[in-house]
């Protein structure tokens, strides 16, 4: 299966207080799937992580 991985889904895998059923289901599918991300995805990830640390 191929899909576009949203940053909010990926960041929820890293943050303990962001338990999400949809994100967890995608994580279990990852070994058999191929995820694509936009070119600026890493910037979104840094911004999301920074926002999580600030709160």
PDB file of N, CA and C in Angstrom:
ATOM      1  N   UNK A   1       0.850  -1.171   0.000  1.00  0.00           N
ATOM      2  CA  UNK A   1       0.000   0.000   0.000  1.00  0.00           C
ATOM      3  C   UNK A   1       0.900   1.240   0.000  1.00  0.00           C
ATOM      4  N   UNK A   2       0.525   2.236  -0.748  1.00  0.00           N
ATOM      5  CA  UNK A   2       1.247   3.502  -0.778  1.00  0.00           C
ATOM      6  C   UNK A   2       0.351   4.597  -0.236  1.00  0.00           C
ATOM      7  N   UNK A   3       0.946   5.527   0.500  1.00  0.00           N
ATOM      8  CA  UNK A   3       0.174   6.657   1.015  1.00  0.00           C
ATOM      9  C   UNK A   3       1.095   7.826   1.305  1.00  0.00           C
ATOM     10  N   UNK A   4       0.500   8.997   1.442  1.00  0.00           N
ATOM     11  CA  UNK A   4       1.239  10.204   1.821  1.00  0.00           C
ATOM     12  C   UNK A   4       1.153  10.328   3.337  1.00  0.00           C
ATOM     13  N   UNK A   5       2.293  10.403   3.974  1.00  0.00           N
ATOM     14  CA  UNK A   5       2.363  10.476   5.432  1.00  0.00           C
ATOM     15  C   UNK A   5       2.306  11.923   5.893  1.00  0.00           C
ATOM     16  N   UNK A   6       1.291  12.234   6.659  1.00  0.00           N
ATOM     17  CA  UNK A   6       1.131  13.569   7.216  1.00  0.00           C
ATOM     18  C   UNK A   6       2.026  13.715   8.445  1.00  0.00           C
ATOM     19  N   UNK A   7       2.560  14.885   8.619  1.00  0.00           N
ATOM     20  CA  UNK A   7       3.463  15.145   9.748  1.00  0.00           C
ATOM     21  C   UNK A   7       2.762  14.940  11.092  1.00  0.00           C
ATOM     22  N   UNK A   8       1.505  15.326  11.186  1.00  0.00           N
ATOM     23  CA  UNK A   8       0.798  15.184  12.457  1.00  0.00           C
ATOM     24  C   UNK A   8       0.668  13.720  12.872  1.00  0.00           C
ATOM     25  N   UNK A   9       0.572  12.840  11.895  1.00  0.00           N
ATOM     26  CA  UNK A   9       0.528  11.407  12.187  1.00  0.00           C
ATOM     27  C   UNK A   9       1.881  10.933  12.696  1.00  0.00           C
ATOM     28  N   UNK A  10       2.932  11.325  11.997  1.00  0.00           N
ATOM     29  CA  UNK A  10       4.279  10.895  12.387  1.00  0.00           C
ATOM     30  C   UNK A  10       4.667  11.429  13.757  1.00  0.00           C
ATOM     31  N   UNK A  11       4.336  12.664  14.049  1.00  0.00           N
ATOM     32  CA  UNK A  11       4.719  13.254  15.341  1.00  0.00           C
ATOM     33  C   UNK A  11       3.946  12.572  16.476  1.00  0.00           C
ATOM     34  N   UNK A  12       2.751  12.085  16.181  1.00  0.00           N
ATOM     35  CA  UNK A  12       1.993  11.405  17.245  1.00  0.00           C
ATOM     36  C   UNK A  12       2.665  10.109  17.662  1.00  0.00           C
ATOM     37  N   UNK A  13       3.472   9.522  16.780  1.00  0.00           N
ATOM     38  CA  UNK A  13       4.209   8.307  17.130  1.00  0.00           C
ATOM     39  C   UNK A  13       5.328   8.605  18.111  1.00  0.00           C
ATOM     40  N   UNK A  14       5.765   9.852  18.167  1.00  0.00           N
ATOM     41  CA  UNK A  14       6.903  10.238  19.007  1.00  0.00           C
ATOM     42  C   UNK A  14       6.497  10.824  20.349  1.00  0.00           C
ATOM     43  N   UNK A  15       5.276  11.302  20.446  1.00  0.00           N
ATOM     44  CA  UNK A  15       4.825  11.977  21.669  1.00  0.00           C
ATOM     45  C   UNK A  15       3.894  11.065  22.457  1.00  0.00           C
ATOM     46  N   UNK A  16       4.232  10.826  23.691  1.00  0.00           N
ATOM     47  CA  UNK A  16       3.477   9.896  24.539  1.00  0.00           C
ATOM     48  C   UNK A  16       2.025  10.341  24.727  1.00  0.00           C
ATOM     49  N   UNK A  17       1.799  11.631  24.888  1.00  0.00           N
ATOM     50  CA  UNK A  17       0.448  12.117  25.167  1.00  0.00           C
ATOM     51  C   UNK A  17      -0.414  12.286  23.915  1.00  0.00           C
ATOM     52  N   UNK A  18       0.090  11.899  22.754  1.00  0.00           N
ATOM     53  CA  UNK A  18      -0.642  12.033  21.494  1.00  0.00           C
ATOM     54  C   UNK A  18      -1.060  10.670  20.953  1.00  0.00           C
ATOM     55  N   UNK A  19      -1.665   9.860  21.781  1.00  0.00           N
ATOM     56  CA  UNK A  19      -2.109   8.533  21.359  1.00  0.00           C
ATOM     57  C   UNK A  19      -3.320   8.680  20.434  1.00  0.00           C
ATOM     58  N   UNK A  20      -3.205   8.142  19.227  1.00  0.00           N
ATOM     59  CA  UNK A  20      -4.250   8.304  18.227  1.00  0.00           C
ATOM     60  C   UNK A  20      -4.478   6.964  17.520  1.00  0.00           C
ATOM     61  N   UNK A  21      -5.712   6.504  17.497  1.00  0.00           N
ATOM     62  CA  UNK A  21      -6.022   5.197  16.914  1.00  0.00           C
ATOM     63  C   UNK A  21      -5.674   5.136  15.426  1.00  0.00           C
ATOM     64  N   UNK A  22      -5.977   6.197  14.686  1.00  0.00           N
ATOM     65  CA  UNK A  22      -5.678   6.233  13.252  1.00  0.00           C
ATOM     66  C   UNK A  22      -4.169   6.151  13.018  1.00  0.00           C
ATOM     67  N   UNK A  23      -3.408   6.960  13.741  1.00  0.00           N
ATOM     68  CA  UNK A  23      -1.948   6.954  13.593  1.00  0.00           C
ATOM     69  C   UNK A  23      -1.356   5.605  13.980  1.00  0.00           C
ATOM     70  N   UNK A  24      -1.879   5.010  15.034  1.00  0.00           N
ATOM     71  CA  UNK A  24      -1.388   3.700  15.467  1.00  0.00           C
ATOM     72  C   UNK A  24      -1.689   2.613  14.433  1.00  0.00           C
ATOM     73  N   UNK A  25      -2.849   2.708  13.781  1.00  0.00           N
ATOM     74  CA  UNK A  25      -3.193   1.740  12.738  1.00  0.00           C
ATOM     75  C   UNK A  25      -2.238   1.875  11.554  1.00  0.00           C
ATOM     76  N   UNK A  26      -1.904   3.111  11.184  1.00  0.00           N
ATOM     77  CA  UNK A  26      -0.935   3.313  10.100  1.00  0.00           C
ATOM     78  C   UNK A  26       0.443   2.772  10.468  1.00  0.00           C
ATOM     79  N   UNK A  27       0.821   2.954  11.716  1.00  0.00           N
ATOM     80  CA  UNK A  27       2.124   2.465  12.161  1.00  0.00           C
ATOM     81  C   UNK A  27       2.220   0.948  12.028  1.00  0.00           C
ATOM     82  N   UNK A  28       1.154   0.248  12.326  1.00  0.00           N
ATOM     83  CA  UNK A  28       1.175  -1.210  12.199  1.00  0.00           C
ATOM     84  C   UNK A  28       1.228  -1.648  10.737  1.00  0.00           C
ATOM     85  N   UNK A  29       0.765  -0.782   9.818  1.00  0.00           N
ATOM     86  CA  UNK A  29       0.799  -1.097   8.391  1.00  0.00           C
ATOM     87  C   UNK A  29       2.134  -0.752   7.734  1.00  0.00           C
ATOM     88  N   UNK A  30       2.962   0.039   8.395  1.00  0.00           N
ATOM     89  CA  UNK A  30       4.193   0.554   7.794  1.00  0.00           C
ATOM     90  C   UNK A  30       5.150  -0.518   7.256  1.00  0.00           C
ATOM     91  N   UNK A  31       5.352  -1.644   7.915  1.00  0.00           N
ATOM     92  CA  UNK A  31       6.307  -2.625   7.372  1.00  0.00           C
ATOM     93  C   UNK A  31       5.937  -3.135   5.976  1.00  0.00           C
ATOM     94  N   UNK A  32       4.649  -3.108   5.647  1.00  0.00           N
ATOM     95  CA  UNK A  32       4.190  -3.612   4.351  1.00  0.00           C
ATOM     96  C   UNK A  32       3.762  -2.495   3.406  1.00  0.00           C
ATOM     97  N   UNK A  33       4.109  -1.261   3.727  1.00  0.00           N
ATOM     98  CA  UNK A  33       3.645  -0.111   2.951  1.00  0.00           C
ATOM     99  C   UNK A  33       4.813   0.768   2.528  1.00  0.00           C
ATOM    100  N   UNK A  34       4.494   1.718   1.679  1.00  0.00           N
ATOM    101  CA  UNK A  34       5.476   2.696   1.229  1.00  0.00           C
ATOM    102  C   UNK A  34       4.873   4.083   1.458  1.00  0.00           C
ATOM    103  N   UNK A  35       5.529   4.864   2.295  1.00  0.00           N
ATOM    104  CA  UNK A  35       5.030   6.202   2.617  1.00  0.00           C
ATOM    105  C   UNK A  35       5.797   7.253   1.827  1.00  0.00           C
ATOM    106  N   UNK A  36       5.080   8.241   1.382  1.00  0.00           N
ATOM    107  CA  UNK A  36       5.668   9.376   0.682  1.00  0.00           C
ATOM    108  C   UNK A  36       5.425  10.629   1.511  1.00  0.00           C
ATOM    109  N   UNK A  37       6.382  11.547   1.470  1.00  0.00           N
ATOM    110  CA  UNK A  37       6.242  12.810   2.204  1.00  0.00           C
ATOM    111  C   UNK A  37       6.601  13.963   1.260  1.00  0.00           C
ATOM    112  N   UNK A  38       6.023  15.152   1.502  1.00  0.00           N
ATOM    113  CA  UNK A  38       6.373  16.314   0.688  1.00  0.00           C
ATOM    114  C   UNK A  38       7.830  16.712   0.909  1.00  0.00           C
ATOM    115  N   UNK A  39       8.383  17.472  -0.014  1.00  0.00           N
ATOM    116  CA  UNK A  39       9.770  17.910   0.078  1.00  0.00           C
ATOM    117  C   UNK A  39      10.087  18.718   1.322  1.00  0.00           C
ATOM    118  N   UNK A  40       9.105  19.440   1.830  1.00  0.00           N
ATOM    119  CA  UNK A  40       9.336  20.274   3.023  1.00  0.00           C
ATOM    120  C   UNK A  40       8.822  19.601   4.294  1.00  0.00           C
ATOM    121  N   UNK A  41       8.628  18.294   4.229  1.00  0.00           N
ATOM    122  CA  UNK A  41       8.097  17.547   5.366  1.00  0.00           C
ATOM    123  C   UNK A  41       8.958  17.695   6.612  1.00  0.00           C
ATOM    124  N   UNK A  42      10.271  17.685   6.434  1.00  0.00           N
ATOM    125  CA  UNK A  42      11.168  17.794   7.593  1.00  0.00           C
ATOM    126  C   UNK A  42      10.979  19.123   8.315  1.00  0.00           C
ATOM    127  N   UNK A  43      10.654  20.173   7.582  1.00  0.00           N
ATOM    128  CA  UNK A  43      10.381  21.468   8.233  1.00  0.00           C
ATOM    129  C   UNK A  43       9.109  21.401   9.063  1.00  0.00           C
ATOM    130  N   UNK A  44       8.091  20.753   8.523  1.00  0.00           N
ATOM    131  CA  UNK A  44       6.857  20.564   9.286  1.00  0.00           C
ATOM    132  C   UNK A  44       7.117  19.764  10.556  1.00  0.00           C
ATOM    133  N   UNK A  45       7.940  18.746  10.432  1.00  0.00           N
ATOM    134  CA  UNK A  45       8.250  17.890  11.581  1.00  0.00           C
ATOM    135  C   UNK A  45       8.978  18.674  12.667  1.00  0.00           C
ATOM    136  N   UNK A  46       9.943  19.477  12.280  1.00  0.00           N
ATOM    137  CA  UNK A  46      10.673  20.311  13.252  1.00  0.00           C
ATOM    138  C   UNK A  46       9.741  21.301  13.913  1.00  0.00           C
ATOM    139  N   UNK A  47       8.873  21.940  13.142  1.00  0.00           N
ATOM    140  CA  UNK A  47       7.929  22.903  13.700  1.00  0.00           C
ATOM    141  C   UNK A  47       6.974  22.220  14.692  1.00  0.00           C
ATOM    142  N   UNK A  48       6.478  21.048  14.333  1.00  0.00           N
ATOM    143  CA  UNK A  48       5.567  20.321  15.227  1.00  0.00           C
ATOM    144  C   UNK A  48       6.272  19.910  16.511  1.00  0.00           C
ATOM    145  N   UNK A  49       7.498  19.431  16.401  1.00  0.00           N
ATOM    146  CA  UNK A  49       8.259  19.038  17.594  1.00  0.00           C
ATOM    147  C   UNK A  49       8.544  20.245  18.470  1.00  0.00           C
ATOM    148  N   UNK A  50       8.913  21.338  17.843  1.00  0.00           N
ATOM    149  CA  UNK A  50       9.191  22.555  18.612  1.00  0.00           C
ATOM    150  C   UNK A  50       7.937  23.060  19.323  1.00  0.00           C
ATOM    151  N   UNK A  51       6.803  22.990  18.646  1.00  0.00           N
ATOM    152  CA  UNK A  51       5.548  23.411  19.256  1.00  0.00           C
ATOM    153  C   UNK A  51       5.185  22.505  20.435  1.00  0.00           C
ATOM    154  N   UNK A  52       5.442  21.218  20.299  1.00  0.00           N
ATOM    155  CA  UNK A  52       5.129  20.266  21.370  1.00  0.00           C
ATOM    156  C   UNK A  52       5.996  20.529  22.594  1.00  0.00           C
ATOM    157  N   UNK A  53       7.253  20.885  22.373  1.00  0.00           N
ATOM    158  CA  UNK A  53       8.165  21.161  23.489  1.00  0.00           C
ATOM    159  C   UNK A  53       7.762  22.453  24.191  1.00  0.00           C
ATOM    160  N   UNK A  54       7.268  23.426  23.443  1.00  0.00           N
ATOM    161  CA  UNK A  54       6.917  24.736  23.992  1.00  0.00           C
ATOM    162  C   UNK A  54       5.678  24.683  24.883  1.00  0.00           C
ATOM    163  N   UNK A  55       4.840  23.671  24.717  1.00  0.00           N
ATOM    164  CA  UNK A  55       3.589  23.618  25.497  1.00  0.00           C
ATOM    165  C   UNK A  55       3.741  22.823  26.757  1.00  0.00           C
TER     166      UNK A  55
END
